[in-house]
Amino acid sequence: MILVTVGTQLPFDRFVRIMDALAPSLDEEVFAQIGRGHYRPVNMRSQQVIGPIEFERLVQQCSRIVSHAGIGTIVTAQKHRKPLILFPRLGVLDEHRNDHQLATVRALRGRPGIHCACDEGELAALVAGPLPVPEPVSELPERDRLRRAVATFIGEQHRLFDAKGSRLV
């Protein structure tokens, strides 16, 4: 099963329409979390909102995730080692307040397990083609560096305050 998600904050009808049009040509069932948009898919099963427990279950079952460029979905895909195809909302089309999702896609393009599509043709090619399963997150060096940096920061902050939270320095 291919899992499509637009996230929980905003509708993304353009993306849902594109995936609905592609669904009949795919070799797998497509299930979409479509948010509160106006378009209702006819070629794929869908639900407006999915609770966190159900979403985790769907992620575990899917072969890949096709999503807006939301950080929550990116982290979830990496956690479960699912290939992820990102399709950003565009500010110029009033799909978001600015183009931060486009910036996210540019920053993540080429990372293991993350595939980016900025138009319908790129999306169609990625959804239909084979995608490798990403490496476990624990084996990615960036995660270890981030973990050490956060631990160091917390340790430094801890030394600046006493047990009651009063600043020592």
N, C-alpha and C. Protein backbone atom coordinates (compact mmCIF):
# COMPACT_ATOMS: atom_id res chain seq x y z
N MET A 1 0.82 -1.17 0.00
CA MET A 1 0.00 0.00 0.00
C MET A 1 0.88 1.25 0.00
N ILE A 2 0.47 2.23 -0.78
CA ILE A 2 1.14 3.53 -0.80
C ILE A 2 0.33 4.45 0.10
N LEU A 3 1.01 5.11 1.03
CA LEU A 3 0.35 6.03 1.95
C LEU A 3 0.61 7.46 1.50
N VAL A 4 -0.46 8.20 1.29
CA VAL A 4 -0.39 9.61 0.90
C VAL A 4 -0.85 10.43 2.09
N THR A 5 -0.14 11.51 2.41
CA THR A 5 -0.57 12.37 3.51
C THR A 5 -0.31 13.83 3.20
N VAL A 6 -1.29 14.65 3.56
CA VAL A 6 -1.16 16.11 3.39
C VAL A 6 -0.89 16.79 4.73
N GLY A 7 -0.79 16.01 5.81
CA GLY A 7 -0.60 16.60 7.12
C GLY A 7 -1.92 17.01 7.74
N THR A 8 -1.84 17.66 8.88
CA THR A 8 -3.04 17.98 9.64
C THR A 8 -3.42 19.45 9.64
N GLN A 9 -2.56 20.32 9.14
CA GLN A 9 -2.82 21.74 9.30
C GLN A 9 -3.60 22.38 8.15
N LEU A 10 -3.25 22.05 6.92
CA LEU A 10 -3.84 22.73 5.77
C LEU A 10 -4.30 21.75 4.71
N PRO A 11 -5.31 22.13 3.93
CA PRO A 11 -5.69 21.29 2.79
C PRO A 11 -4.61 21.38 1.70
N PHE A 12 -4.61 20.39 0.80
CA PHE A 12 -3.65 20.38 -0.30
C PHE A 12 -4.31 19.67 -1.48
N ASP A 13 -5.41 20.26 -1.97
CA ASP A 13 -6.22 19.65 -3.02
C ASP A 13 -5.45 19.36 -4.30
N ARG A 14 -4.53 20.22 -4.70
CA ARG A 14 -3.75 19.98 -5.94
C ARG A 14 -3.02 18.64 -5.85
N PHE A 15 -2.38 18.39 -4.74
CA PHE A 15 -1.64 17.15 -4.51
C PHE A 15 -2.59 15.95 -4.48
N VAL A 16 -3.71 16.07 -3.78
CA VAL A 16 -4.67 14.97 -3.69
C VAL A 16 -5.23 14.64 -5.08
N ARG A 17 -5.53 15.66 -5.88
CA ARG A 17 -6.04 15.43 -7.24
C ARG A 17 -5.01 14.67 -8.09
N ILE A 18 -3.75 15.09 -8.01
CA ILE A 18 -2.69 14.44 -8.79
C ILE A 18 -2.56 12.97 -8.38
N MET A 19 -2.52 12.72 -7.07
CA MET A 19 -2.38 11.33 -6.60
C MET A 19 -3.61 10.51 -6.96
N ASP A 20 -4.79 11.11 -6.92
CA ASP A 20 -6.01 10.40 -7.29
C ASP A 20 -5.98 10.02 -8.77
N ALA A 21 -5.46 10.90 -9.61
CA ALA A 21 -5.35 10.61 -11.05
C ALA A 21 -4.31 9.51 -11.31
N LEU A 22 -3.25 9.46 -10.51
CA LEU A 22 -2.21 8.44 -10.69
C LEU A 22 -2.61 7.08 -10.14
N ALA A 23 -3.47 7.05 -9.14
CA ALA A 23 -3.79 5.82 -8.41
C ALA A 23 -4.17 4.64 -9.31
N PRO A 24 -5.03 4.81 -10.34
CA PRO A 24 -5.40 3.65 -11.15
C PRO A 24 -4.24 3.02 -11.92
N SER A 25 -3.19 3.77 -12.18
CA SER A 25 -2.06 3.25 -12.95
C SER A 25 -1.01 2.58 -12.07
N LEU A 26 -1.18 2.61 -10.77
CA LEU A 26 -0.19 2.05 -9.86
C LEU A 26 -0.48 0.59 -9.55
N ASP A 27 0.57 -0.15 -9.22
CA ASP A 27 0.44 -1.58 -8.93
C ASP A 27 0.00 -1.86 -7.50
N GLU A 28 -0.17 -0.82 -6.71
CA GLU A 28 -0.54 -0.98 -5.31
C GLU A 28 -1.77 -0.15 -4.99
N GLU A 29 -2.46 -0.56 -3.94
CA GLU A 29 -3.55 0.24 -3.41
C GLU A 29 -2.97 1.55 -2.88
N VAL A 30 -3.74 2.61 -2.95
CA VAL A 30 -3.32 3.91 -2.42
C VAL A 30 -4.33 4.33 -1.36
N PHE A 31 -3.82 4.71 -0.20
CA PHE A 31 -4.67 5.24 0.87
C PHE A 31 -4.16 6.64 1.18
N ALA A 32 -5.10 7.60 1.28
CA ALA A 32 -4.70 8.99 1.47
C ALA A 32 -5.35 9.63 2.68
N GLN A 33 -4.55 10.32 3.45
CA GLN A 33 -5.03 11.22 4.49
C GLN A 33 -5.09 12.58 3.81
N ILE A 34 -6.32 13.09 3.58
CA ILE A 34 -6.52 14.23 2.68
C ILE A 34 -6.78 15.57 3.37
N GLY A 35 -6.85 15.59 4.68
CA GLY A 35 -7.09 16.85 5.36
C GLY A 35 -8.49 17.37 5.09
N ARG A 36 -8.67 18.65 5.31
CA ARG A 36 -9.99 19.26 5.20
C ARG A 36 -10.17 20.05 3.90
N GLY A 37 -9.62 19.54 2.82
CA GLY A 37 -9.78 20.17 1.52
C GLY A 37 -11.16 19.91 0.95
N HIS A 38 -11.40 20.43 -0.23
CA HIS A 38 -12.69 20.28 -0.89
C HIS A 38 -12.75 19.06 -1.81
N TYR A 39 -11.62 18.66 -2.37
CA TYR A 39 -11.60 17.56 -3.33
C TYR A 39 -11.75 16.22 -2.61
N ARG A 40 -12.60 15.36 -3.14
CA ARG A 40 -12.79 14.01 -2.61
C ARG A 40 -12.33 13.00 -3.66
N PRO A 41 -11.32 12.19 -3.34
CA PRO A 41 -10.79 11.22 -4.29
C PRO A 41 -11.82 10.18 -4.72
N VAL A 42 -11.69 9.72 -5.96
CA VAL A 42 -12.57 8.67 -6.47
C VAL A 42 -11.78 7.39 -6.79
N ASN A 43 -10.46 7.47 -6.88
CA ASN A 43 -9.64 6.33 -7.26
C ASN A 43 -8.79 5.77 -6.13
N MET A 44 -8.89 6.35 -4.95
CA MET A 44 -8.12 5.85 -3.81
C MET A 44 -8.96 6.02 -2.55
N ARG A 45 -8.75 5.10 -1.62
CA ARG A 45 -9.43 5.24 -0.33
C ARG A 45 -8.84 6.44 0.38
N SER A 46 -9.68 7.12 1.16
CA SER A 46 -9.17 8.32 1.84
C SER A 46 -9.92 8.57 3.13
N GLN A 47 -9.29 9.39 3.94
CA GLN A 47 -9.87 9.82 5.20
C GLN A 47 -9.31 11.22 5.47
N GLN A 48 -10.15 12.11 5.99
CA GLN A 48 -9.69 13.47 6.21
C GLN A 48 -8.60 13.53 7.27
N VAL A 49 -8.86 12.96 8.43
CA VAL A 49 -7.93 13.02 9.56
C VAL A 49 -7.69 11.61 10.05
N ILE A 50 -6.46 11.33 10.43
CA ILE A 50 -6.09 10.04 10.98
C ILE A 50 -5.40 10.29 12.32
N GLY A 51 -5.83 9.60 13.34
CA GLY A 51 -5.20 9.73 14.66
C GLY A 51 -3.78 9.19 14.64
N PRO A 52 -2.98 9.59 15.61
CA PRO A 52 -1.56 9.20 15.62
C PRO A 52 -1.31 7.69 15.68
N ILE A 53 -2.12 6.96 16.42
CA ILE A 53 -1.91 5.51 16.52
C ILE A 53 -2.22 4.85 15.19
N GLU A 54 -3.33 5.24 14.57
CA GLU A 54 -3.71 4.69 13.26
C GLU A 54 -2.68 5.08 12.20
N PHE A 55 -2.18 6.31 12.27
CA PHE A 55 -1.18 6.75 11.30
C PHE A 55 0.09 5.89 11.41
N GLU A 56 0.54 5.63 12.62
CA GLU A 56 1.72 4.77 12.82
C GLU A 56 1.48 3.38 12.23
N ARG A 57 0.27 2.84 12.42
CA ARG A 57 -0.05 1.52 11.87
C ARG A 57 0.00 1.54 10.35
N LEU A 58 -0.54 2.59 9.75
CA LEU A 58 -0.51 2.71 8.29
C LEU A 58 0.93 2.84 7.77
N VAL A 59 1.73 3.60 8.48
CA VAL A 59 3.14 3.75 8.08
C VAL A 59 3.84 2.40 8.13
N GLN A 60 3.60 1.64 9.17
CA GLN A 60 4.24 0.32 9.29
C GLN A 60 3.84 -0.60 8.13
N GLN A 61 2.60 -0.48 7.65
CA GLN A 61 2.09 -1.36 6.60
C GLN A 61 2.46 -0.91 5.19
N CYS A 62 2.75 0.35 4.98
CA CYS A 62 2.92 0.86 3.63
C CYS A 62 4.29 0.51 3.03
N SER A 63 4.36 0.55 1.71
CA SER A 63 5.63 0.33 1.02
C SER A 63 6.40 1.63 0.85
N ARG A 64 5.68 2.74 0.82
CA ARG A 64 6.28 4.06 0.67
C ARG A 64 5.28 5.11 1.13
N ILE A 65 5.78 6.30 1.41
CA ILE A 65 4.95 7.43 1.82
C ILE A 65 5.13 8.52 0.79
N VAL A 66 4.01 9.11 0.37
CA VAL A 66 4.04 10.25 -0.54
C VAL A 66 3.40 11.40 0.23
N SER A 67 4.12 12.50 0.39
CA SER A 67 3.70 13.50 1.37
C SER A 67 4.02 14.93 0.97
N HIS A 68 3.32 15.86 1.60
CA HIS A 68 3.74 17.25 1.60
C HIS A 68 5.09 17.29 2.31
N ALA A 69 5.78 18.38 2.29
CA ALA A 69 7.12 18.44 2.89
C ALA A 69 7.05 18.85 4.36
N GLY A 70 6.31 18.06 5.14
CA GLY A 70 6.17 18.33 6.56
C GLY A 70 7.19 17.55 7.37
N ILE A 71 7.78 18.20 8.34
CA ILE A 71 8.84 17.59 9.14
C ILE A 71 8.35 16.37 9.92
N GLY A 72 7.13 16.41 10.43
CA GLY A 72 6.61 15.26 11.18
C GLY A 72 6.59 13.99 10.34
N THR A 73 6.16 14.11 9.10
CA THR A 73 6.12 12.95 8.22
C THR A 73 7.53 12.51 7.85
N ILE A 74 8.42 13.44 7.65
CA ILE A 74 9.82 13.11 7.32
C ILE A 74 10.44 12.29 8.44
N VAL A 75 10.26 12.72 9.67
CA VAL A 75 10.81 12.01 10.83
C VAL A 75 10.17 10.62 10.96
N THR A 76 8.86 10.54 10.78
CA THR A 76 8.16 9.25 10.88
C THR A 76 8.65 8.27 9.81
N ALA A 77 8.82 8.75 8.59
CA ALA A 77 9.31 7.89 7.51
C ALA A 77 10.70 7.36 7.84
N GLN A 78 11.57 8.21 8.35
CA GLN A 78 12.92 7.75 8.71
C GLN A 78 12.88 6.76 9.86
N LYS A 79 12.04 7.02 10.84
CA LYS A 79 11.92 6.13 11.99
C LYS A 79 11.52 4.72 11.55
N HIS A 80 10.63 4.62 10.59
CA HIS A 80 10.11 3.33 10.13
C HIS A 80 10.81 2.80 8.87
N ARG A 81 11.86 3.50 8.42
CA ARG A 81 12.62 3.09 7.25
C ARG A 81 11.73 2.92 6.01
N LYS A 82 10.92 3.92 5.76
CA LYS A 82 10.04 3.91 4.60
C LYS A 82 10.54 4.91 3.57
N PRO A 83 10.62 4.51 2.31
CA PRO A 83 10.96 5.48 1.27
C PRO A 83 9.93 6.61 1.29
N LEU A 84 10.41 7.82 1.12
CA LEU A 84 9.55 9.00 1.23
C LEU A 84 9.68 9.84 -0.03
N ILE A 85 8.53 10.17 -0.60
CA ILE A 85 8.48 11.09 -1.74
C ILE A 85 7.83 12.37 -1.24
N LEU A 86 8.55 13.47 -1.36
CA LEU A 86 8.04 14.76 -0.91
C LEU A 86 7.55 15.58 -2.09
N PHE A 87 6.40 16.21 -1.91
CA PHE A 87 5.80 17.09 -2.91
C PHE A 87 5.39 18.36 -2.16
N PRO A 88 6.16 19.44 -2.29
CA PRO A 88 5.94 20.62 -1.45
C PRO A 88 4.73 21.46 -1.85
N ARG A 89 4.11 22.03 -0.83
CA ARG A 89 3.11 23.07 -1.06
C ARG A 89 3.85 24.31 -1.57
N LEU A 90 3.16 25.10 -2.39
CA LEU A 90 3.78 26.29 -2.95
C LEU A 90 3.06 27.55 -2.47
N GLY A 91 3.84 28.50 -1.98
CA GLY A 91 3.28 29.76 -1.54
C GLY A 91 2.62 30.53 -2.66
N VAL A 92 3.20 30.49 -3.86
CA VAL A 92 2.67 31.22 -5.00
C VAL A 92 1.27 30.73 -5.38
N LEU A 93 0.92 29.49 -5.03
CA LEU A 93 -0.40 28.95 -5.30
C LEU A 93 -1.32 29.03 -4.08
N ASP A 94 -0.88 29.78 -3.07
CA ASP A 94 -1.63 29.94 -1.81
C ASP A 94 -1.87 28.62 -1.09
N GLU A 95 -0.95 27.68 -1.26
CA GLU A 95 -1.06 26.40 -0.56
C GLU A 95 -0.43 26.47 0.83
N HIS A 96 0.33 27.53 1.05
CA HIS A 96 0.95 27.81 2.35
C HIS A 96 1.28 29.29 2.38
N ARG A 97 1.68 29.79 3.54
CA ARG A 97 1.94 31.23 3.67
C ARG A 97 3.24 31.68 2.99
N ASN A 98 4.15 30.72 2.75
CA ASN A 98 5.41 31.02 2.06
C ASN A 98 5.94 29.73 1.43
N ASP A 99 7.15 29.76 0.94
CA ASP A 99 7.72 28.58 0.26
C ASP A 99 8.68 27.80 1.14
N HIS A 100 8.44 27.73 2.43
CA HIS A 100 9.35 26.98 3.29
C HIS A 100 9.36 25.49 2.95
N GLN A 101 8.25 24.94 2.43
CA GLN A 101 8.27 23.52 2.05
C GLN A 101 9.16 23.30 0.83
N LEU A 102 9.19 24.25 -0.07
CA LEU A 102 10.09 24.17 -1.21
C LEU A 102 11.54 24.22 -0.74
N ALA A 103 11.81 25.07 0.24
CA ALA A 103 13.16 25.15 0.82
C ALA A 103 13.52 23.84 1.52
N THR A 104 12.55 23.23 2.20
CA THR A 104 12.79 21.94 2.86
C THR A 104 13.18 20.88 1.83
N VAL A 105 12.44 20.83 0.73
CA VAL A 105 12.72 19.86 -0.33
C VAL A 105 14.12 20.09 -0.91
N ARG A 106 14.47 21.32 -1.14
CA ARG A 106 15.81 21.62 -1.68
C ARG A 106 16.90 21.17 -0.71
N ALA A 107 16.67 21.36 0.58
CA ALA A 107 17.67 20.99 1.58
C ALA A 107 17.80 19.48 1.74
N LEU A 108 16.71 18.74 1.53
CA LEU A 108 16.72 17.30 1.76
C LEU A 108 16.96 16.46 0.51
N ARG A 109 16.89 17.10 -0.65
CA ARG A 109 17.07 16.37 -1.92
C ARG A 109 18.40 15.61 -1.89
N GLY A 110 18.33 14.33 -2.23
CA GLY A 110 19.54 13.51 -2.28
C GLY A 110 19.87 12.78 -1.00
N ARG A 111 19.16 13.06 0.08
CA ARG A 111 19.42 12.33 1.33
C ARG A 111 18.88 10.91 1.22
N PRO A 112 19.50 9.97 1.92
CA PRO A 112 19.05 8.58 1.84
C PRO A 112 17.57 8.44 2.21
N GLY A 113 16.82 7.77 1.34
CA GLY A 113 15.42 7.49 1.61
C GLY A 113 14.46 8.60 1.28
N ILE A 114 14.97 9.77 0.88
CA ILE A 114 14.11 10.91 0.58
C ILE A 114 14.21 11.24 -0.90
N HIS A 115 13.06 11.29 -1.54
CA HIS A 115 12.96 11.58 -2.97
C HIS A 115 12.05 12.79 -3.11
N CYS A 116 12.39 13.69 -4.00
CA CYS A 116 11.66 14.95 -4.10
C CYS A 116 11.10 15.16 -5.50
N ALA A 117 9.86 15.61 -5.54
CA ALA A 117 9.19 15.91 -6.79
C ALA A 117 8.60 17.31 -6.68
N CYS A 118 8.87 18.13 -7.67
CA CYS A 118 8.35 19.50 -7.65
C CYS A 118 7.29 19.74 -8.71
N ASP A 119 7.00 18.72 -9.51
CA ASP A 119 5.92 18.85 -10.48
C ASP A 119 5.26 17.48 -10.68
N GLU A 120 4.16 17.48 -11.42
CA GLU A 120 3.38 16.26 -11.60
C GLU A 120 4.17 15.15 -12.29
N GLY A 121 4.98 15.49 -13.27
CA GLY A 121 5.77 14.49 -13.98
C GLY A 121 6.79 13.80 -13.08
N GLU A 122 7.50 14.59 -12.29
CA GLU A 122 8.46 14.01 -11.34
C GLU A 122 7.75 13.12 -10.33
N LEU A 123 6.60 13.57 -9.86
CA LEU A 123 5.84 12.79 -8.88
C LEU A 123 5.39 11.46 -9.48
N ALA A 124 4.86 11.50 -10.69
CA ALA A 124 4.39 10.28 -11.35
C ALA A 124 5.52 9.27 -11.51
N ALA A 125 6.69 9.74 -11.92
CA ALA A 125 7.84 8.84 -12.13
C ALA A 125 8.29 8.21 -10.81
N LEU A 126 8.35 9.00 -9.75
CA LEU A 126 8.80 8.47 -8.46
C LEU A 126 7.79 7.50 -7.86
N VAL A 127 6.52 7.82 -7.95
CA VAL A 127 5.50 6.96 -7.35
C VAL A 127 5.44 5.60 -8.06
N ALA A 128 5.63 5.59 -9.35
CA ALA A 128 5.52 4.35 -10.12
C ALA A 128 6.78 3.49 -10.07
N GLY A 129 7.92 4.10 -9.80
CA GLY A 129 9.18 3.37 -9.86
C GLY A 129 9.57 2.72 -8.55
N PRO A 130 10.54 1.82 -8.61
CA PRO A 130 11.03 1.18 -7.37
C PRO A 130 11.88 2.17 -6.57
N LEU A 131 11.77 2.08 -5.26
CA LEU A 131 12.55 2.94 -4.37
C LEU A 131 13.25 2.06 -3.33
N PRO A 132 14.53 2.29 -3.10
CA PRO A 132 15.24 1.48 -2.10
C PRO A 132 14.77 1.81 -0.69
N VAL A 133 14.84 0.81 0.19
CA VAL A 133 14.52 1.01 1.60
C VAL A 133 15.67 1.78 2.23
N PRO A 134 15.38 2.86 2.95
CA PRO A 134 16.46 3.65 3.55
C PRO A 134 17.17 2.91 4.68
N GLU A 135 18.37 3.33 4.93
CA GLU A 135 19.15 2.78 6.05
C GLU A 135 18.48 3.15 7.37
N PRO A 136 18.70 2.35 8.42
CA PRO A 136 18.16 2.73 9.72
C PRO A 136 18.71 4.08 10.15
N VAL A 137 17.88 4.86 10.82
CA VAL A 137 18.27 6.20 11.24
C VAL A 137 19.47 6.15 12.16
N SER A 138 19.57 5.15 13.02
CA SER A 138 20.68 5.07 13.97
C SER A 138 22.02 4.93 13.26
N GLU A 139 22.02 4.50 11.99
CA GLU A 139 23.27 4.36 11.27
C GLU A 139 23.66 5.61 10.50
N LEU A 140 22.82 6.64 10.57
CA LEU A 140 23.13 7.87 9.87
C LEU A 140 24.01 8.75 10.75
N PRO A 141 25.16 9.19 10.27
CA PRO A 141 26.09 9.96 11.10
C PRO A 141 25.49 11.29 11.58
N GLU A 142 24.58 11.90 10.81
CA GLU A 142 24.00 13.18 11.23
C GLU A 142 23.26 13.04 12.56
N ARG A 143 22.59 11.92 12.74
CA ARG A 143 21.82 11.72 13.96
C ARG A 143 22.74 11.65 15.17
N ASP A 144 23.85 10.95 15.03
CA ASP A 144 24.80 10.85 16.15
C ASP A 144 25.39 12.21 16.49
N ARG A 145 25.72 13.00 15.49
CA ARG A 145 26.25 14.35 15.74
C ARG A 145 25.21 15.21 16.43
N LEU A 146 23.97 15.12 15.99
CA LEU A 146 22.90 15.90 16.61
C LEU A 146 22.69 15.46 18.05
N ARG A 147 22.68 14.16 18.29
CA ARG A 147 22.49 13.65 19.65
C ARG A 147 23.60 14.16 20.57
N ARG A 148 24.85 14.13 20.10
CA ARG A 148 25.97 14.62 20.93
C ARG A 148 25.85 16.11 21.18
N ALA A 149 25.45 16.87 20.15
CA ALA A 149 25.32 18.32 20.31
C ALA A 149 24.24 18.67 21.32
N VAL A 150 23.12 17.97 21.25
CA VAL A 150 22.03 18.23 22.21
C VAL A 150 22.46 17.85 23.62
N ALA A 151 23.11 16.70 23.76
CA ALA A 151 23.58 16.27 25.08
C ALA A 151 24.58 17.26 25.67
N THR A 152 25.48 17.75 24.83
CA THR A 152 26.45 18.75 25.29
C THR A 152 25.75 20.02 25.72
N PHE A 153 24.80 20.49 24.92
CA PHE A 153 24.05 21.70 25.25
C PHE A 153 23.32 21.54 26.58
N ILE A 154 22.63 20.41 26.75
CA ILE A 154 21.89 20.17 27.99
C ILE A 154 22.85 20.12 29.16
N GLY A 155 23.98 19.46 29.00
CA GLY A 155 24.98 19.39 30.07
C GLY A 155 25.51 20.75 30.44
N GLU A 156 25.77 21.59 29.46
CA GLU A 156 26.25 22.95 29.73
C GLU A 156 25.18 23.77 30.44
N GLN A 157 23.93 23.66 30.01
CA GLN A 157 22.85 24.39 30.64
C GLN A 157 22.64 23.93 32.08
N HIS A 158 22.78 22.61 32.29
CA HIS A 158 22.61 22.04 33.62
C HIS A 158 23.63 22.62 34.60
N ARG A 159 24.85 22.84 34.13
CA ARG A 159 25.91 23.37 35.00
C ARG A 159 25.70 24.85 35.32
N LEU A 160 24.87 25.54 34.60
CA LEU A 160 24.63 26.97 34.82
C LEU A 160 23.55 27.24 35.87
N PHE A 161 22.78 26.23 36.26
CA PHE A 161 21.66 26.42 37.18
C PHE A 161 21.76 25.44 38.34
N ASP A 162 21.25 25.86 39.52
CA ASP A 162 21.20 24.95 40.65
C ASP A 162 19.91 24.12 40.56
N ALA A 163 19.68 23.25 41.56
CA ALA A 163 18.54 22.35 41.55
C ALA A 163 17.20 23.09 41.54
N LYS A 164 17.16 24.34 42.04
CA LYS A 164 15.92 25.11 42.08
C LYS A 164 15.73 25.97 40.82
N GLY A 165 16.68 25.88 39.89
CA GLY A 165 16.56 26.64 38.65
C GLY A 165 17.17 28.04 38.72
N SER A 166 17.85 28.34 39.83
CA SER A 166 18.49 29.65 39.95
C SER A 166 19.81 29.64 39.19
N ARG A 167 20.09 30.73 38.49
CA ARG A 167 21.32 30.82 37.69
C ARG A 167 22.54 30.90 38.62
N LEU A 168 23.53 30.07 38.36
CA LEU A 168 24.75 30.03 39.15
C LEU A 168 25.80 31.03 38.66
N VAL A 169 25.80 31.34 37.41
CA VAL A 169 26.84 32.19 36.84
C VAL A 169 26.28 33.53 36.44
